[in-house]
Each structure stands twice: as C-alpha cells, then as structure tokens.
Amino acid sequence: MEYDEAELQEAVLALLGAFEFESGRVWKRYPFSVMEAFHEQGWITDPHGRHESVYLTEEGLLKAKALAAKHFGKKPKL
C-alpha cells in the first residue's frame, strides 16, 4: 500500500496541534497517556522502560494498517 505523503503530513501536524502545550511546544513522541491507552487495549507492547520504541501486537498491527489505508491510502487515478 502506498500512502499519500501530504495526508500523512497533515495528520501528523494535526496530532502535534492536539498535543501542544506551553503555547506551541510539542513533544517529538506521542504522550504516554496515549501509548498507555493503546497498551491497555492490547494494541502495543508495554510502553514503559528505556526503549524508544514499542511493538504493535497482531491485533494492533491489523488495526493500524487498516486505519492507515482508510485515512492515507492513495486513491486510484481514474
């Protein structure tokens, strides 16, 4: 699946806007509350610890790929 780069950039910018604090300051990573919620729902491995990454669970990977295709998949040219 190819993704629409402009749509991806727009989504990331929207997420930064949603999570900004201190009049425009943003973290480069997603807030722990979001990651913890994903973990509680069984979509990712435990986000706590020294690692800077997590793994999507099988269920999480399927959901994430479906959402990415739905929101950012390139539409066929007619």
PDB file of N, CA and C in Angstrom:
ATOM      1  N   MET A   1       0.845  -1.175   0.000  1.00  0.00           N
ATOM      2  CA  MET A   1       0.000   0.000   0.000  1.00  0.00           C
ATOM      3  C   MET A   1       0.887   1.234   0.000  1.00  0.00           C
ATOM      4  N   GLU A   2       0.636   2.131  -0.907  1.00  0.00           N
ATOM      5  CA  GLU A   2       1.313   3.424  -0.921  1.00  0.00           C
ATOM      6  C   GLU A   2       0.460   4.423  -0.152  1.00  0.00           C
ATOM      7  N   TYR A   3       1.114   5.336   0.553  1.00  0.00           N
ATOM      8  CA  TYR A   3       0.404   6.335   1.335  1.00  0.00           C
ATOM      9  C   TYR A   3       0.596   7.713   0.732  1.00  0.00           C
ATOM     10  N   ASP A   4      -0.412   8.524   0.879  1.00  0.00           N
ATOM     11  CA  ASP A   4      -0.391   9.896   0.389  1.00  0.00           C
ATOM     12  C   ASP A   4       0.420  10.730   1.376  1.00  0.00           C
ATOM     13  N   GLU A   5       1.585  11.169   0.956  1.00  0.00           N
ATOM     14  CA  GLU A   5       2.512  11.895   1.836  1.00  0.00           C
ATOM     15  C   GLU A   5       1.893  13.177   2.388  1.00  0.00           C
ATOM     16  N   ALA A   6       1.147  13.875   1.571  1.00  0.00           N
ATOM     17  CA  ALA A   6       0.512  15.117   2.038  1.00  0.00           C
ATOM     18  C   ALA A   6      -0.511  14.815   3.135  1.00  0.00           C
ATOM     19  N   GLU A   7      -1.267  13.732   2.988  1.00  0.00           N
ATOM     20  CA  GLU A   7      -2.241  13.341   4.012  1.00  0.00           C
ATOM     21  C   GLU A   7      -1.536  12.945   5.307  1.00  0.00           C
ATOM     22  N   LEU A   8      -0.429  12.223   5.187  1.00  0.00           N
ATOM     23  CA  LEU A   8       0.340  11.836   6.376  1.00  0.00           C
ATOM     24  C   LEU A   8       0.872  13.068   7.102  1.00  0.00           C
ATOM     25  N   GLN A   9       1.436  14.002   6.358  1.00  0.00           N
ATOM     26  CA  GLN A   9       1.967  15.217   6.972  1.00  0.00           C
ATOM     27  C   GLN A   9       0.857  16.004   7.650  1.00  0.00           C
ATOM     28  N   GLU A  10      -0.305  16.070   7.021  1.00  0.00           N
ATOM     29  CA  GLU A  10      -1.427  16.778   7.613  1.00  0.00           C
ATOM     30  C   GLU A  10      -1.870  16.113   8.920  1.00  0.00           C
ATOM     31  N   ALA A  11      -1.901  14.792   8.929  1.00  0.00           N
ATOM     32  CA  ALA A  11      -2.310  14.061  10.133  1.00  0.00           C
ATOM     33  C   ALA A  11      -1.316  14.269  11.268  1.00  0.00           C
ATOM     34  N   VAL A  12      -0.032  14.218  10.956  1.00  0.00           N
ATOM     35  CA  VAL A  12       0.981  14.421  11.988  1.00  0.00           C
ATOM     36  C   VAL A  12       0.898  15.837  12.532  1.00  0.00           C
ATOM     37  N   LEU A  13       0.723  16.809  11.647  1.00  0.00           N
ATOM     38  CA  LEU A  13       0.596  18.194  12.096  1.00  0.00           C
ATOM     39  C   LEU A  13      -0.644  18.363  12.973  1.00  0.00           C
ATOM     40  N   ALA A  14      -1.739  17.695  12.609  1.00  0.00           N
ATOM     41  CA  ALA A  14      -2.956  17.745  13.424  1.00  0.00           C
ATOM     42  C   ALA A  14      -2.710  17.138  14.800  1.00  0.00           C
ATOM     43  N   LEU A  15      -1.973  16.041  14.858  1.00  0.00           N
ATOM     44  CA  LEU A  15      -1.645  15.434  16.149  1.00  0.00           C
ATOM     45  C   LEU A  15      -0.773  16.365  16.985  1.00  0.00           C
ATOM     46  N   LEU A  16       0.193  17.024  16.345  1.00  0.00           N
ATOM     47  CA  LEU A  16       1.029  17.971  17.078  1.00  0.00           C
ATOM     48  C   LEU A  16       0.170  19.103  17.637  1.00  0.00           C
ATOM     49  N   GLY A  17      -0.795  19.572  16.846  1.00  0.00           N
ATOM     50  CA  GLY A  17      -1.688  20.619  17.324  1.00  0.00           C
ATOM     51  C   GLY A  17      -2.538  20.158  18.492  1.00  0.00           C
ATOM     52  N   ALA A  18      -2.971  18.905  18.446  1.00  0.00           N
ATOM     53  CA  ALA A  18      -3.805  18.362  19.515  1.00  0.00           C
ATOM     54  C   ALA A  18      -3.030  18.203  20.812  1.00  0.00           C
ATOM     55  N   PHE A  19      -1.736  17.931  20.718  1.00  0.00           N
ATOM     56  CA  PHE A  19      -0.937  17.654  21.908  1.00  0.00           C
ATOM     57  C   PHE A  19       0.006  18.785  22.296  1.00  0.00           C
ATOM     58  N   GLU A  20      -0.128  19.958  21.675  1.00  0.00           N
ATOM     59  CA  GLU A  20       0.770  21.066  22.010  1.00  0.00           C
ATOM     60  C   GLU A  20       0.488  21.575  23.424  1.00  0.00           C
ATOM     61  N   PHE A  21       1.501  22.164  24.002  1.00  0.00           N
ATOM     62  CA  PHE A  21       1.386  22.765  25.332  1.00  0.00           C
ATOM     63  C   PHE A  21       2.334  23.946  25.383  1.00  0.00           C
ATOM     64  N   GLU A  22       2.197  24.768  26.403  1.00  0.00           N
ATOM     65  CA  GLU A  22       3.048  25.948  26.558  1.00  0.00           C
ATOM     66  C   GLU A  22       3.083  26.803  25.289  1.00  0.00           C
ATOM     67  N   SER A  23       1.914  27.078  24.744  1.00  0.00           N
ATOM     68  CA  SER A  23       1.785  27.970  23.580  1.00  0.00           C
ATOM     69  C   SER A  23       2.599  27.534  22.369  1.00  0.00           C
ATOM     70  N   GLY A  24       2.499  26.281  22.019  1.00  0.00           N
ATOM     71  CA  GLY A  24       3.121  25.803  20.793  1.00  0.00           C
ATOM     72  C   GLY A  24       4.234  24.797  20.962  1.00  0.00           C
ATOM     73  N   ARG A  25       4.618  24.483  22.177  1.00  0.00           N
ATOM     74  CA  ARG A  25       5.654  23.485  22.387  1.00  0.00           C
ATOM     75  C   ARG A  25       5.041  22.096  22.186  1.00  0.00           C
ATOM     76  N   VAL A  26       5.761  21.216  21.505  1.00  0.00           N
ATOM     77  CA  VAL A  26       5.283  19.853  21.268  1.00  0.00           C
ATOM     78  C   VAL A  26       6.410  18.847  21.503  1.00  0.00           C
ATOM     79  N   TRP A  27       6.012  17.652  21.928  1.00  0.00           N
ATOM     80  CA  TRP A  27       6.970  16.559  22.074  1.00  0.00           C
ATOM     81  C   TRP A  27       7.166  15.900  20.721  1.00  0.00           C
ATOM     82  N   LYS A  28       8.334  15.323  20.495  1.00  0.00           N
ATOM     83  CA  LYS A  28       8.596  14.614  19.253  1.00  0.00           C
ATOM     84  C   LYS A  28       7.950  13.233  19.252  1.00  0.00           C
ATOM     85  N   ARG A  29       7.545  12.762  20.398  1.00  0.00           N
ATOM     86  CA  ARG A  29       6.902  11.451  20.519  1.00  0.00           C
ATOM     87  C   ARG A  29       5.487  11.649  21.029  1.00  0.00           C
ATOM     88  N   TYR A  30       4.697  10.594  20.955  1.00  0.00           N
ATOM     89  CA  TYR A  30       3.318  10.688  21.426  1.00  0.00           C
ATOM     90  C   TYR A  30       3.275  10.654  22.945  1.00  0.00           C
ATOM     91  N   PRO A  31       2.292  11.317  23.548  1.00  0.00           N
ATOM     92  CA  PRO A  31       2.175  11.346  25.006  1.00  0.00           C
ATOM     93  C   PRO A  31       2.015   9.943  25.591  1.00  0.00           C
ATOM     94  N   PHE A  32       2.568   9.741  26.781  1.00  0.00           N
ATOM     95  CA  PHE A  32       2.479   8.442  27.433  1.00  0.00           C
ATOM     96  C   PHE A  32       1.030   8.024  27.668  1.00  0.00           C
ATOM     97  N   SER A  33       0.146   8.980  27.912  1.00  0.00           N
ATOM     98  CA  SER A  33      -1.251   8.622  28.146  1.00  0.00           C
ATOM     99  C   SER A  33      -1.852   7.927  26.928  1.00  0.00           C
ATOM    100  N   VAL A  34      -1.461   8.369  25.740  1.00  0.00           N
ATOM    101  CA  VAL A  34      -1.951   7.739  24.517  1.00  0.00           C
ATOM    102  C   VAL A  34      -1.349   6.344  24.374  1.00  0.00           C
ATOM    103  N   MET A  35      -0.043   6.252  24.590  1.00  0.00           N
ATOM    104  CA  MET A  35       0.631   4.963  24.454  1.00  0.00           C
ATOM    105  C   MET A  35       0.123   3.963  25.495  1.00  0.00           C
ATOM    106  N   GLU A  36      -0.116   4.438  26.713  1.00  0.00           N
ATOM    107  CA  GLU A  36      -0.649   3.562  27.762  1.00  0.00           C
ATOM    108  C   GLU A  36      -2.045   3.071  27.393  1.00  0.00           C
ATOM    109  N   ALA A  37      -2.863   3.942  26.805  1.00  0.00           N
ATOM    110  CA  ALA A  37      -4.204   3.536  26.374  1.00  0.00           C
ATOM    111  C   ALA A  37      -4.118   2.469  25.287  1.00  0.00           C
ATOM    112  N   PHE A  38      -3.195   2.624  24.363  1.00  0.00           N
ATOM    113  CA  PHE A  38      -3.008   1.610  23.323  1.00  0.00           C
ATOM    114  C   PHE A  38      -2.585   0.275  23.939  1.00  0.00           C
ATOM    115  N   HIS A  39      -1.719   0.349  24.941  1.00  0.00           N
ATOM    116  CA  HIS A  39      -1.267  -0.872  25.623  1.00  0.00           C
ATOM    117  C   HIS A  39      -2.430  -1.537  26.352  1.00  0.00           C
ATOM    118  N   GLU A  40      -3.226  -0.745  27.043  1.00  0.00           N
ATOM    119  CA  GLU A  40      -4.377  -1.279  27.777  1.00  0.00           C
ATOM    120  C   GLU A  40      -5.377  -1.950  26.839  1.00  0.00           C
ATOM    121  N   GLN A  41      -5.467  -1.443  25.610  1.00  0.00           N
ATOM    122  CA  GLN A  41      -6.387  -2.031  24.629  1.00  0.00           C
ATOM    123  C   GLN A  41      -5.770  -3.228  23.906  1.00  0.00           C
ATOM    124  N   GLY A  42      -4.507  -3.515  24.199  1.00  0.00           N
ATOM    125  CA  GLY A  42      -3.846  -4.669  23.605  1.00  0.00           C
ATOM    126  C   GLY A  42      -3.273  -4.439  22.226  1.00  0.00           C
ATOM    127  N   TRP A  43      -3.067  -3.178  21.844  1.00  0.00           N
ATOM    128  CA  TRP A  43      -2.572  -2.881  20.510  1.00  0.00           C
ATOM    129  C   TRP A  43      -1.060  -2.754  20.425  1.00  0.00           C
ATOM    130  N   ILE A  44      -0.384  -2.482  21.565  1.00  0.00           N
ATOM    131  CA  ILE A  44       1.080  -2.364  21.565  1.00  0.00           C
ATOM    132  C   ILE A  44       1.642  -3.059  22.801  1.00  0.00           C
ATOM    133  N   THR A  45       2.947  -3.310  22.754  1.00  0.00           N
ATOM    134  CA  THR A  45       3.637  -3.851  23.920  1.00  0.00           C
ATOM    135  C   THR A  45       3.780  -2.744  24.959  1.00  0.00           C
ATOM    136  N   ASP A  46       4.229  -3.106  26.149  1.00  0.00           N
ATOM    137  CA  ASP A  46       4.349  -2.160  27.257  1.00  0.00           C
ATOM    138  C   ASP A  46       5.238  -0.971  26.874  1.00  0.00           C
ATOM    139  N   PRO A  47       4.716   0.264  26.947  1.00  0.00           N
ATOM    140  CA  PRO A  47       5.490   1.430  26.540  1.00  0.00           C
ATOM    141  C   PRO A  47       6.474   1.929  27.598  1.00  0.00           C
ATOM    142  N   HIS A  48       6.469   1.361  28.774  1.00  0.00           N
ATOM    143  CA  HIS A  48       7.379   1.795  29.842  1.00  0.00           C
ATOM    144  C   HIS A  48       8.741   1.143  29.668  1.00  0.00           C
ATOM    145  N   GLY A  49       9.751   1.791  30.151  1.00  0.00           N
ATOM    146  CA  GLY A  49      11.103   1.246  30.077  1.00  0.00           C
ATOM    147  C   GLY A  49      12.020   2.172  29.304  1.00  0.00           C
ATOM    148  N   ARG A  50      13.212   1.707  29.058  1.00  0.00           N
ATOM    149  CA  ARG A  50      14.243   2.537  28.438  1.00  0.00           C
ATOM    150  C   ARG A  50      14.183   2.545  26.917  1.00  0.00           C
ATOM    151  N   HIS A  51      13.438   1.627  26.338  1.00  0.00           N
ATOM    152  CA  HIS A  51      13.380   1.553  24.877  1.00  0.00           C
ATOM    153  C   HIS A  51      12.602   2.730  24.302  1.00  0.00           C
ATOM    154  N   GLU A  52      13.027   3.184  23.139  1.00  0.00           N
ATOM    155  CA  GLU A  52      12.345   4.303  22.491  1.00  0.00           C
ATOM    156  C   GLU A  52      11.268   3.832  21.528  1.00  0.00           C
ATOM    157  N   SER A  53      11.073   2.517  21.443  1.00  0.00           N
ATOM    158  CA  SER A  53      10.058   2.001  20.537  1.00  0.00           C
ATOM    159  C   SER A  53       9.259   0.905  21.223  1.00  0.00           C
ATOM    160  N   VAL A  54       8.129   0.590  20.631  1.00  0.00           N
ATOM    161  CA  VAL A  54       7.266  -0.496  21.085  1.00  0.00           C
ATOM    162  C   VAL A  54       6.926  -1.336  19.865  1.00  0.00           C
ATOM    163  N   TYR A  55       6.340  -2.502  20.101  1.00  0.00           N
ATOM    164  CA  TYR A  55       5.864  -3.335  19.008  1.00  0.00           C
ATOM    165  C   TYR A  55       4.353  -3.300  18.974  1.00  0.00           C
ATOM    166  N   LEU A  56       3.796  -3.269  17.773  1.00  0.00           N
ATOM    167  CA  LEU A  56       2.371  -3.459  17.621  1.00  0.00           C
ATOM    168  C   LEU A  56       2.077  -4.938  17.830  1.00  0.00           C
ATOM    169  N   THR A  57       1.002  -5.228  18.539  1.00  0.00           N
ATOM    170  CA  THR A  57       0.569  -6.615  18.672  1.00  0.00           C
ATOM    171  C   THR A  57      -0.054  -7.031  17.338  1.00  0.00           C
ATOM    172  N   GLU A  58      -0.380  -8.300  17.195  1.00  0.00           N
ATOM    173  CA  GLU A  58      -1.006  -8.756  15.954  1.00  0.00           C
ATOM    174  C   GLU A  58      -2.303  -7.985  15.701  1.00  0.00           C
ATOM    175  N   GLU A  59      -3.128  -7.853  16.736  1.00  0.00           N
ATOM    176  CA  GLU A  59      -4.380  -7.102  16.626  1.00  0.00           C
ATOM    177  C   GLU A  59      -4.107  -5.626  16.323  1.00  0.00           C
ATOM    178  N   GLY A  60      -3.116  -5.059  17.007  1.00  0.00           N
ATOM    179  CA  GLY A  60      -2.773  -3.662  16.799  1.00  0.00           C
ATOM    180  C   GLY A  60      -2.255  -3.392  15.397  1.00  0.00           C
ATOM    181  N   LEU A  61      -1.449  -4.313  14.872  1.00  0.00           N
ATOM    182  CA  LEU A  61      -0.910  -4.145  13.527  1.00  0.00           C
ATOM    183  C   LEU A  61      -2.028  -4.166  12.494  1.00  0.00           C
ATOM    184  N   LEU A  62      -2.956  -5.100  12.643  1.00  0.00           N
ATOM    185  CA  LEU A  62      -4.082  -5.173  11.712  1.00  0.00           C
ATOM    186  C   LEU A  62      -4.913  -3.890  11.757  1.00  0.00           C
ATOM    187  N   LYS A  63      -5.197  -3.404  12.962  1.00  0.00           N
ATOM    188  CA  LYS A  63      -5.991  -2.179  13.125  1.00  0.00           C
ATOM    189  C   LYS A  63      -5.231  -0.976  12.567  1.00  0.00           C
ATOM    190  N   ALA A  64      -3.947  -0.871  12.889  1.00  0.00           N
ATOM    191  CA  ALA A  64      -3.139   0.260  12.433  1.00  0.00           C
ATOM    192  C   ALA A  64      -3.051   0.301  10.913  1.00  0.00           C
ATOM    193  N   LYS A  65      -2.828  -0.844  10.288  1.00  0.00           N
ATOM    194  CA  LYS A  65      -2.728  -0.893   8.826  1.00  0.00           C
ATOM    195  C   LYS A  65      -4.065  -0.548   8.175  1.00  0.00           C
ATOM    196  N   ALA A  66      -5.162  -1.035   8.752  1.00  0.00           N
ATOM    197  CA  ALA A  66      -6.486  -0.732   8.210  1.00  0.00           C
ATOM    198  C   ALA A  66      -6.772   0.761   8.311  1.00  0.00           C
ATOM    199  N   LEU A  67      -6.435   1.361   9.439  1.00  0.00           N
ATOM    200  CA  LEU A  67      -6.654   2.802   9.616  1.00  0.00           C
ATOM    201  C   LEU A  67      -5.754   3.621   8.693  1.00  0.00           C
ATOM    202  N   ALA A  68      -4.507   3.189   8.525  1.00  0.00           N
ATOM    203  CA  ALA A  68      -3.593   3.902   7.630  1.00  0.00           C
ATOM    204  C   ALA A  68      -4.112   3.853   6.197  1.00  0.00           C
ATOM    205  N   ALA A  69      -4.598   2.695   5.767  1.00  0.00           N
ATOM    206  CA  ALA A  69      -5.141   2.575   4.414  1.00  0.00           C
ATOM    207  C   ALA A  69      -6.396   3.433   4.267  1.00  0.00           C
ATOM    208  N   LYS A  70      -7.263   3.411   5.279  1.00  0.00           N
ATOM    209  CA  LYS A  70      -8.508   4.179   5.238  1.00  0.00           C
ATOM    210  C   LYS A  70      -8.240   5.683   5.140  1.00  0.00           C
ATOM    211  N   HIS A  71      -7.338   6.173   5.963  1.00  0.00           N
ATOM    212  CA  HIS A  71      -7.121   7.613   6.047  1.00  0.00           C
ATOM    213  C   HIS A  71      -6.067   8.155   5.085  1.00  0.00           C
ATOM    214  N   PHE A  72      -5.079   7.336   4.745  1.00  0.00           N
ATOM    215  CA  PHE A  72      -3.948   7.865   3.989  1.00  0.00           C
ATOM    216  C   PHE A  72      -3.631   7.126   2.702  1.00  0.00           C
ATOM    217  N   GLY A  73      -4.371   6.079   2.386  1.00  0.00           N
ATOM    218  CA  GLY A  73      -4.092   5.315   1.169  1.00  0.00           C
ATOM    219  C   GLY A  73      -4.304   6.166  -0.075  1.00  0.00           C
ATOM    220  N   LYS A  74      -3.426   6.006  -1.032  1.00  0.00           N
ATOM    221  CA  LYS A  74      -3.568   6.752  -2.274  1.00  0.00           C
ATOM    222  C   LYS A  74      -4.780   6.224  -3.033  1.00  0.00           C
ATOM    223  N   LYS A  75      -5.562   7.125  -3.533  1.00  0.00           N
ATOM    224  CA  LYS A  75      -6.746   6.771  -4.298  1.00  0.00           C
ATOM    225  C   LYS A  75      -6.329   6.449  -5.728  1.00  0.00           C
ATOM    226  N   PRO A  76      -6.926   5.417  -6.329  1.00  0.00           N
ATOM    227  CA  PRO A  76      -6.585   5.100  -7.724  1.00  0.00           C
ATOM    228  C   PRO A  76      -6.936   6.262  -8.640  1.00  0.00           C
ATOM    229  N   LYS A  77      -6.081   6.527  -9.604  1.00  0.00           N
ATOM    230  CA  LYS A  77      -6.334   7.591 -10.574  1.00  0.00           C
ATOM    231  C   LYS A  77      -7.315   7.067 -11.609  1.00  0.00           C
ATOM    232  N   LEU A  78      -8.299   7.873 -11.917  1.00  0.00           N
ATOM    233  CA  LEU A  78      -9.315   7.472 -12.899  1.00  0.00           C
ATOM    234  C   LEU A  78      -8.992   7.991 -14.270  1.00  0.00           C
TER     235      LEU A  78
END
